[in-house]
Amino acid sequence: MDTQTLPKPGQRIECVYMGGDPNPIPVGSRGTVLKVQEIVPGDHHIDVAWDSGRTLGLLSLIDRYRIL
């Protein structure tokens, strides 16, 4: 299992990979974390306000991001 560090609300992140979404956030997009919520043990939903204006969240076990 990947142990990617979870961001905290207010931190800036960059999308590295988004899988499984028909209209993914483009790689390299940056945004601000709004909320991090555990949906099942070990998997978190990360709400992000992307600089593009979108608010699509990330799933910690599927998507990849970099904390800036």
PDB file of N, CA and C in Angstrom:
ATOM      1  N   MET A   1       0.840  -1.185   0.000  1.00  0.00           N
ATOM      2  CA  MET A   1       0.000   0.000   0.000  1.00  0.00           C
ATOM      3  C   MET A   1       0.878   1.239   0.000  1.00  0.00           C
ATOM      4  N   ASP A   2       0.487   2.232  -0.771  1.00  0.00           N
ATOM      5  CA  ASP A   2       1.215   3.494  -0.852  1.00  0.00           C
ATOM      6  C   ASP A   2       0.971   4.302   0.418  1.00  0.00           C
ATOM      7  N   THR A   3       2.003   4.940   0.908  1.00  0.00           N
ATOM      8  CA  THR A   3       1.869   5.745   2.119  1.00  0.00           C
ATOM      9  C   THR A   3       2.068   7.224   1.807  1.00  0.00           C
ATOM     10  N   GLN A   4       1.459   7.678   0.738  1.00  0.00           N
ATOM     11  CA  GLN A   4       1.536   9.085   0.348  1.00  0.00           C
ATOM     12  C   GLN A   4       1.069   9.962   1.520  1.00  0.00           C
ATOM     13  N   THR A   5       1.815  10.992   1.835  1.00  0.00           N
ATOM     14  CA  THR A   5       1.479  11.896   2.929  1.00  0.00           C
ATOM     15  C   THR A   5       0.201  12.656   2.603  1.00  0.00           C
ATOM     16  N   LEU A   6      -0.695  12.714   3.566  1.00  0.00           N
ATOM     17  CA  LEU A   6      -1.941  13.454   3.369  1.00  0.00           C
ATOM     18  C   LEU A   6      -1.709  14.948   3.567  1.00  0.00           C
ATOM     19  N   PRO A   7      -2.292  15.767   2.706  1.00  0.00           N
ATOM     20  CA  PRO A   7      -2.185  17.217   2.896  1.00  0.00           C
ATOM     21  C   PRO A   7      -3.161  17.672   3.975  1.00  0.00           C
ATOM     22  N   LYS A   8      -2.979  18.887   4.419  1.00  0.00           N
ATOM     23  CA  LYS A   8      -3.858  19.500   5.405  1.00  0.00           C
ATOM     24  C   LYS A   8      -4.631  20.633   4.736  1.00  0.00           C
ATOM     25  N   PRO A   9      -5.837  20.936   5.239  1.00  0.00           N
ATOM     26  CA  PRO A   9      -6.581  22.066   4.682  1.00  0.00           C
ATOM     27  C   PRO A   9      -5.717  23.329   4.665  1.00  0.00           C
ATOM     28  N   GLY A  10      -5.796  24.039   3.554  1.00  0.00           N
ATOM     29  CA  GLY A  10      -5.024  25.263   3.376  1.00  0.00           C
ATOM     30  C   GLY A  10      -3.726  25.047   2.621  1.00  0.00           C
ATOM     31  N   GLN A  11      -3.246  23.790   2.563  1.00  0.00           N
ATOM     32  CA  GLN A  11      -2.007  23.525   1.828  1.00  0.00           C
ATOM     33  C   GLN A  11      -2.260  23.541   0.331  1.00  0.00           C
ATOM     34  N   ARG A  12      -1.219  23.884  -0.404  1.00  0.00           N
ATOM     35  CA  ARG A  12      -1.268  23.877  -1.861  1.00  0.00           C
ATOM     36  C   ARG A  12      -0.749  22.532  -2.354  1.00  0.00           C
ATOM     37  N   ILE A  13      -1.404  21.996  -3.393  1.00  0.00           N
ATOM     38  CA  ILE A  13      -0.974  20.736  -3.984  1.00  0.00           C
ATOM     39  C   ILE A  13      -0.961  20.853  -5.498  1.00  0.00           C
ATOM     40  N   GLU A  14      -0.297  19.894  -6.124  1.00  0.00           N
ATOM     41  CA  GLU A  14      -0.233  19.804  -7.577  1.00  0.00           C
ATOM     42  C   GLU A  14      -0.659  18.396  -7.975  1.00  0.00           C
ATOM     43  N   CYS A  15      -1.508  18.285  -8.985  1.00  0.00           N
ATOM     44  CA  CYS A  15      -1.962  16.990  -9.473  1.00  0.00           C
ATOM     45  C   CYS A  15      -0.839  16.321 -10.263  1.00  0.00           C
ATOM     46  N   VAL A  16      -0.518  15.093  -9.902  1.00  0.00           N
ATOM     47  CA  VAL A  16       0.497  14.305 -10.595  1.00  0.00           C
ATOM     48  C   VAL A  16      -0.180  13.257 -11.482  1.00  0.00           C
ATOM     49  N   TYR A  17      -1.311  12.705 -11.020  1.00  0.00           N
ATOM     50  CA  TYR A  17      -2.056  11.697 -11.779  1.00  0.00           C
ATOM     51  C   TYR A  17      -3.461  11.603 -11.199  1.00  0.00           C
ATOM     52  N   MET A  18      -4.451  11.555 -12.062  1.00  0.00           N
ATOM     53  CA  MET A  18      -5.821  11.328 -11.614  1.00  0.00           C
ATOM     54  C   MET A  18      -6.403  10.208 -12.456  1.00  0.00           C
ATOM     55  N   GLY A  19      -6.707   9.095 -11.818  1.00  0.00           N
ATOM     56  CA  GLY A  19      -7.234   7.945 -12.540  1.00  0.00           C
ATOM     57  C   GLY A  19      -8.700   7.724 -12.245  1.00  0.00           C
ATOM     58  N   GLY A  20      -9.392   7.124 -13.186  1.00  0.00           N
ATOM     59  CA  GLY A  20     -10.766   6.722 -12.961  1.00  0.00           C
ATOM     60  C   GLY A  20     -11.821   7.794 -13.114  1.00  0.00           C
ATOM     61  N   ASP A  21     -11.473   8.992 -13.488  1.00  0.00           N
ATOM     62  CA  ASP A  21     -12.469  10.046 -13.685  1.00  0.00           C
ATOM     63  C   ASP A  21     -12.591  10.320 -15.182  1.00  0.00           C
ATOM     64  N   PRO A  22     -13.818  10.418 -15.719  1.00  0.00           N
ATOM     65  CA  PRO A  22     -13.979  10.661 -17.150  1.00  0.00           C
ATOM     66  C   PRO A  22     -13.506  12.056 -17.592  1.00  0.00           C
ATOM     67  N   ASN A  23     -13.427  12.994 -16.664  1.00  0.00           N
ATOM     68  CA  ASN A  23     -12.964  14.345 -16.957  1.00  0.00           C
ATOM     69  C   ASN A  23     -11.954  14.748 -15.876  1.00  0.00           C
ATOM     70  N   PRO A  24     -10.755  14.138 -15.909  1.00  0.00           N
ATOM     71  CA  PRO A  24      -9.794  14.343 -14.816  1.00  0.00           C
ATOM     72  C   PRO A  24      -9.202  15.753 -14.784  1.00  0.00           C
ATOM     73  N   ILE A  25      -8.667  16.079 -13.636  1.00  0.00           N
ATOM     74  CA  ILE A  25      -7.892  17.310 -13.489  1.00  0.00           C
ATOM     75  C   ILE A  25      -6.581  17.085 -14.252  1.00  0.00           C
ATOM     76  N   PRO A  26      -6.184  18.011 -15.113  1.00  0.00           N
ATOM     77  CA  PRO A  26      -4.938  17.823 -15.866  1.00  0.00           C
ATOM     78  C   PRO A  26      -3.700  17.762 -14.964  1.00  0.00           C
ATOM     79  N   VAL A  27      -2.770  16.908 -15.345  1.00  0.00           N
ATOM     80  CA  VAL A  27      -1.490  16.808 -14.640  1.00  0.00           C
ATOM     81  C   VAL A  27      -0.839  18.185 -14.618  1.00  0.00           C
ATOM     82  N   GLY A  28      -0.288  18.556 -13.467  1.00  0.00           N
ATOM     83  CA  GLY A  28       0.365  19.851 -13.312  1.00  0.00           C
ATOM     84  C   GLY A  28      -0.543  20.928 -12.762  1.00  0.00           C
ATOM     85  N   SER A  29      -1.855  20.647 -12.694  1.00  0.00           N
ATOM     86  CA  SER A  29      -2.793  21.629 -12.133  1.00  0.00           C
ATOM     87  C   SER A  29      -2.520  21.802 -10.648  1.00  0.00           C
ATOM     88  N   ARG A  30      -2.722  23.022 -10.175  1.00  0.00           N
ATOM     89  CA  ARG A  30      -2.488  23.327  -8.763  1.00  0.00           C
ATOM     90  C   ARG A  30      -3.764  23.820  -8.112  1.00  0.00           C
ATOM     91  N   GLY A  31      -3.856  23.564  -6.805  1.00  0.00           N
ATOM     92  CA  GLY A  31      -5.026  23.991  -6.072  1.00  0.00           C
ATOM     93  C   GLY A  31      -4.765  24.029  -4.582  1.00  0.00           C
ATOM     94  N   THR A  32      -5.804  24.424  -3.841  1.00  0.00           N
ATOM     95  CA  THR A  32      -5.729  24.542  -2.389  1.00  0.00           C
ATOM     96  C   THR A  32      -6.651  23.513  -1.754  1.00  0.00           C
ATOM     97  N   VAL A  33      -6.129  22.774  -0.782  1.00  0.00           N
ATOM     98  CA  VAL A  33      -6.910  21.746  -0.091  1.00  0.00           C
ATOM     99  C   VAL A  33      -7.953  22.425   0.798  1.00  0.00           C
ATOM    100  N   LEU A  34      -9.208  21.979   0.657  1.00  0.00           N
ATOM    101  CA  LEU A  34     -10.297  22.509   1.467  1.00  0.00           C
ATOM    102  C   LEU A  34     -10.585  21.627   2.676  1.00  0.00           C
ATOM    103  N   LYS A  35     -10.600  20.296   2.443  1.00  0.00           N
ATOM    104  CA  LYS A  35     -10.965  19.363   3.505  1.00  0.00           C
ATOM    105  C   LYS A  35     -10.395  17.990   3.174  1.00  0.00           C
ATOM    106  N   VAL A  36     -10.022  17.239   4.212  1.00  0.00           N
ATOM    107  CA  VAL A  36      -9.561  15.860   4.059  1.00  0.00           C
ATOM    108  C   VAL A  36     -10.438  15.000   4.963  1.00  0.00           C
ATOM    109  N   GLN A  37     -11.069  13.983   4.363  1.00  0.00           N
ATOM    110  CA  GLN A  37     -12.007  13.155   5.111  1.00  0.00           C
ATOM    111  C   GLN A  37     -11.741  11.683   4.812  1.00  0.00           C
ATOM    112  N   GLU A  38     -11.639  10.876   5.864  1.00  0.00           N
ATOM    113  CA  GLU A  38     -11.460   9.437   5.677  1.00  0.00           C
ATOM    114  C   GLU A  38     -12.806   8.829   5.281  1.00  0.00           C
ATOM    115  N   ILE A  39     -12.830   8.130   4.127  1.00  0.00           N
ATOM    116  CA  ILE A  39     -14.089   7.547   3.656  1.00  0.00           C
ATOM    117  C   ILE A  39     -14.203   6.069   4.028  1.00  0.00           C
ATOM    118  N   VAL A  40     -13.095   5.377   4.036  1.00  0.00           N
ATOM    119  CA  VAL A  40     -12.975   4.019   4.570  1.00  0.00           C
ATOM    120  C   VAL A  40     -11.584   3.956   5.185  1.00  0.00           C
ATOM    121  N   PRO A  41     -11.344   3.031   6.107  1.00  0.00           N
ATOM    122  CA  PRO A  41     -10.021   2.985   6.726  1.00  0.00           C
ATOM    123  C   PRO A  41      -8.889   2.967   5.691  1.00  0.00           C
ATOM    124  N   GLY A  42      -8.009   3.944   5.781  1.00  0.00           N
ATOM    125  CA  GLY A  42      -6.858   4.032   4.898  1.00  0.00           C
ATOM    126  C   GLY A  42      -7.082   4.773   3.596  1.00  0.00           C
ATOM    127  N   ASP A  43      -8.323   5.137   3.281  1.00  0.00           N
ATOM    128  CA  ASP A  43      -8.604   5.868   2.040  1.00  0.00           C
ATOM    129  C   ASP A  43      -9.277   7.186   2.392  1.00  0.00           C
ATOM    130  N   HIS A  44      -8.768   8.257   1.819  1.00  0.00           N
ATOM    131  CA  HIS A  44      -9.254   9.594   2.139  1.00  0.00           C
ATOM    132  C   HIS A  44      -9.736  10.320   0.893  1.00  0.00           C
ATOM    133  N   HIS A  45     -10.761  11.146   1.075  1.00  0.00           N
ATOM    134  CA  HIS A  45     -11.236  12.036   0.023  1.00  0.00           C
ATOM    135  C   HIS A  45     -10.666  13.410   0.335  1.00  0.00           C
ATOM    136  N   ILE A  46      -9.996  13.995  -0.647  1.00  0.00           N
ATOM    137  CA  ILE A  46      -9.345  15.291  -0.461  1.00  0.00           C
ATOM    138  C   ILE A  46     -10.068  16.309  -1.340  1.00  0.00           C
ATOM    139  N   ASP A  47     -10.839  17.204  -0.705  1.00  0.00           N
ATOM    140  CA  ASP A  47     -11.537  18.260  -1.445  1.00  0.00           C
ATOM    141  C   ASP A  47     -10.538  19.348  -1.807  1.00  0.00           C
ATOM    142  N   VAL A  48     -10.507  19.714  -3.092  1.00  0.00           N
ATOM    143  CA  VAL A  48      -9.541  20.694  -3.575  1.00  0.00           C
ATOM    144  C   VAL A  48     -10.241  21.773  -4.384  1.00  0.00           C
ATOM    145  N   ALA A  49      -9.899  23.024  -4.131  1.00  0.00           N
ATOM    146  CA  ALA A  49     -10.320  24.143  -4.969  1.00  0.00           C
ATOM    147  C   ALA A  49      -9.179  24.384  -5.953  1.00  0.00           C
ATOM    148  N   TRP A  50      -9.342  23.883  -7.172  1.00  0.00           N
ATOM    149  CA  TRP A  50      -8.292  24.022  -8.184  1.00  0.00           C
ATOM    150  C   TRP A  50      -8.244  25.447  -8.703  1.00  0.00           C
ATOM    151  N   ASP A  51      -7.058  25.893  -9.080  1.00  0.00           N
ATOM    152  CA  ASP A  51      -6.877  27.260  -9.566  1.00  0.00           C
ATOM    153  C   ASP A  51      -7.706  27.523 -10.826  1.00  0.00           C
ATOM    154  N   SER A  52      -8.077  26.471 -11.544  1.00  0.00           N
ATOM    155  CA  SER A  52      -8.886  26.604 -12.761  1.00  0.00           C
ATOM    156  C   SER A  52     -10.341  26.922 -12.452  1.00  0.00           C
ATOM    157  N   GLY A  53     -10.737  26.806 -11.172  1.00  0.00           N
ATOM    158  CA  GLY A  53     -12.115  27.049 -10.782  1.00  0.00           C
ATOM    159  C   GLY A  53     -12.883  25.768 -10.487  1.00  0.00           C
ATOM    160  N   ARG A  54     -12.336  24.626 -10.853  1.00  0.00           N
ATOM    161  CA  ARG A  54     -12.992  23.349 -10.567  1.00  0.00           C
ATOM    162  C   ARG A  54     -12.792  22.969  -9.105  1.00  0.00           C
ATOM    163  N   THR A  55     -13.654  22.088  -8.597  1.00  0.00           N
ATOM    164  CA  THR A  55     -13.555  21.658  -7.210  1.00  0.00           C
ATOM    165  C   THR A  55     -13.548  20.137  -7.091  1.00  0.00           C
ATOM    166  N   LEU A  56     -13.095  19.427  -8.100  1.00  0.00           N
ATOM    167  CA  LEU A  56     -13.046  17.965  -8.085  1.00  0.00           C
ATOM    168  C   LEU A  56     -12.050  17.476  -7.040  1.00  0.00           C
ATOM    169  N   GLY A  57     -12.480  16.512  -6.229  1.00  0.00           N
ATOM    170  CA  GLY A  57     -11.627  15.975  -5.172  1.00  0.00           C
ATOM    171  C   GLY A  57     -10.729  14.848  -5.646  1.00  0.00           C
ATOM    172  N   LEU A  58      -9.786  14.494  -4.801  1.00  0.00           N
ATOM    173  CA  LEU A  58      -8.855  13.401  -5.050  1.00  0.00           C
ATOM    174  C   LEU A  58      -9.152  12.254  -4.092  1.00  0.00           C
ATOM    175  N   LEU A  59      -8.836  11.035  -4.518  1.00  0.00           N
ATOM    176  CA  LEU A  59      -8.911   9.868  -3.644  1.00  0.00           C
ATOM    177  C   LEU A  59      -7.479   9.444  -3.334  1.00  0.00           C
ATOM    178  N   SER A  60      -7.144   9.351  -2.059  1.00  0.00           N
ATOM    179  CA  SER A  60      -5.750   9.142  -1.669  1.00  0.00           C
ATOM    180  C   SER A  60      -5.158   7.824  -2.153  1.00  0.00           C
ATOM    181  N   LEU A  61      -5.968   6.781  -2.352  1.00  0.00           N
ATOM    182  CA  LEU A  61      -5.428   5.501  -2.795  1.00  0.00           C
ATOM    183  C   LEU A  61      -5.362   5.361  -4.318  1.00  0.00           C
ATOM    184  N   ILE A  62      -5.988   6.262  -5.054  1.00  0.00           N
ATOM    185  CA  ILE A  62      -6.019   6.168  -6.523  1.00  0.00           C
ATOM    186  C   ILE A  62      -5.225   7.293  -7.173  1.00  0.00           C
ATOM    187  N   ASP A  63      -5.490   8.512  -6.766  1.00  0.00           N
ATOM    188  CA  ASP A  63      -4.889   9.688  -7.397  1.00  0.00           C
ATOM    189  C   ASP A  63      -3.539  10.015  -6.768  1.00  0.00           C
ATOM    190  N   ARG A  64      -2.705  10.692  -7.506  1.00  0.00           N
ATOM    191  CA  ARG A  64      -1.385  11.097  -7.020  1.00  0.00           C
ATOM    192  C   ARG A  64      -1.271  12.619  -7.075  1.00  0.00           C
ATOM    193  N   TYR A  65      -0.636  13.171  -6.061  1.00  0.00           N
ATOM    194  CA  TYR A  65      -0.456  14.620  -5.954  1.00  0.00           C
ATOM    195  C   TYR A  65       0.856  14.890  -5.256  1.00  0.00           C
ATOM    196  N   ARG A  66       1.260  16.144  -5.337  1.00  0.00           N
ATOM    197  CA  ARG A  66       2.488  16.577  -4.670  1.00  0.00           C
ATOM    198  C   ARG A  66       2.125  17.783  -3.813  1.00  0.00           C
ATOM    199  N   ILE A  67       2.513  17.747  -2.547  1.00  0.00           N
ATOM    200  CA  ILE A  67       2.296  18.902  -1.662  1.00  0.00           C
ATOM    201  C   ILE A  67       3.360  19.936  -1.993  1.00  0.00           C
ATOM    202  N   LEU A  68       2.932  21.153  -2.216  1.00  0.00           N
ATOM    203  CA  LEU A  68       3.870  22.234  -2.589  1.00  0.00           C
ATOM    204  C   LEU A  68       4.404  22.939  -1.357  1.00  0.00           C
TER     205      LEU A  68
END
